[in-house]
Amino acid sequence: MSVGTDAGLLAPTWAGTPVAAEVTDEAWLQAMLDVEVALARAQHAVGLTPAAAVETIRSTARVARLDLVALAHAARAAANPVVALVTAFTEVVGAEDPTAAEYVHRGSTSQDILDSAAMLIARRVLGLIAGDLARVAAAFAALADTHRATVLAGRTLAQHAVPTTFGLKAAGWLELVLDASVRVRAVASALPAQLGGAAGTLAAYREYGILDRGSRQAAGSGDRSDEGGVELLAPFAAALGLAEPTLPWHTVRTPVAELGAVLQLVTGALGKFALDVQTLSRTELGEVSEPAGAGLGASSAMPQKRNPALATLIVSAARQVPAHALVLAQCLLAEDERPAGAWHAEWQPLREALRLAGGASHTAVELAEGLIVQPERMRADLDLTGGAVVAERLAVMPAPVLGKVRAKKLLTAASAEAADTGRPLGNILSADPELSARFTPAHLSDLLDPARYTGAAEALIDRALHRWALHGHEDPRGRESNGGTL
């Protein structure tokens, strides 16, 4: 039977990125082998496995010693890959040292191995994502500071609303990424090892401990020492670099559901940024553009195009991960002490969510660090409505002399006339006798300047930069931000 290759041909978001190597079949198989080694080490730490056996298990725990494709096919028989893995790995160890083979997978169950391997994979991927998010945040902080006074049209429901600054928009992106970063680090630091035995009681581990210490008689007399049971949790988790679990979590699937949630948050935060880039890079706007590069954004049919390819990859991930996260959340409904199907349904969605999020974060670094900002296009687009973008301000300023209702009615009518006739709003307002009697043309011109109606944008940017600095980074201006208490 021929076997194909999953190199990511239909998944350009993660193909060729660092995360791809962390979630291959080979990586998962090696992670399971690493768990088997950690189990032997933990049992040695409490006096249950000879050092020589541990060394043999460690030295033979290599993917190259096993037939991955044969294991994948054999996994169908038991509905999980660990059963076939244990058989094959025990044979490999036994070929080196028959005595050591007795200590492979001792007391364990398939879910202990696969769940712990999943946490190892997740920790590695979250480490990549955390590093990417730090770089993206730094790029956003620089954009926020550099463009704190770069005015552009704020848009609500796809229409010009009031002026804002590109710096404040970048500060919003920064806030999202910092939120995601905090959650990624929190989840990564709490990923637990899994150790419970057949039904989460540690019974076989404990029984092997009693057997190996020659304690059969003590066991029969009611002295039920926990040697080989609970005290295995700490050294096992330490050997893997994972958190020590309070209990086996065979059907307490919070760790997996939380992984889905945080990966959804990561891609959602980055997806918001990417979607803004797509919108602002439209031909008729041209307010930002992606970094140029050989073949980047090329069209197969239209040589004049430079598509927002990086943003498209990120948005693609952001639209897919929630579906995978939903499956992981649904698997919280796990019956008995091991569910028939819910656990099994987690594996592929978790892998897809990890590599999509890792691919998106890697892509976001390139996009954020290379984003090209076009302030002159932003200013030109602001003028498209002939000054109507500051109508809110004009409705507020005359209110004390005309009354709020009258002022709003006047500005609504003037804005409609400007839109219908193409005349500048300032000219229409200057011709109004009520306004011209109270405001000079120079005053009206000042009121119509979008750059003078960006509210507290700078102060808000400072608050975002202050949070970023507290997150462990220098303020981009080289001084402490006055962002106040957050």
Foldseek 3Di string as FASTA:
>chain_A
DDDDDPQCPVQVLQRPHPLVVLQDLQNLLLLLLLLQLLLLVLCVVLPQHDPVLSVLSVVQSHSVQDDSVVLVVVCVVVVGSVVVVLVSSLVSSCVVPVVSSVSGCQLFDPCLRNLQSLLLSLLVLLVLLLVLLLLLLVLLLVQLVVWLLLKFFDDDPRHGAAIAIVSLVSLLLNVLSVVLNVLSVVLSQARARATAGPQFPLVRQQVSQCVSVVNPVVVVVPVRDCRSGPSSQVSSCVSSVHDRDPTHPQLQLVSLLSLLVSLLSLLVSLLVVLVVQQVCCPPLQNQKAFFDDVVQQADPPDRVTRHSVLSVLSNVLNVPSVVLSVLSVVLNPADHRHRDPSVSSNPPSSSSSSSSSSSNSVSSSRGSNGMGGDSVSRVVNVPPQLLLSLLVLQLPVCCVPQNNVRSNVVSVVLSVVCVVPVDRSLVSQCPDPVNVVPAPSVRSVVSSDSSVPNPCSSLSSLLSLQVSVVVPDANPVRDHGPNPDD
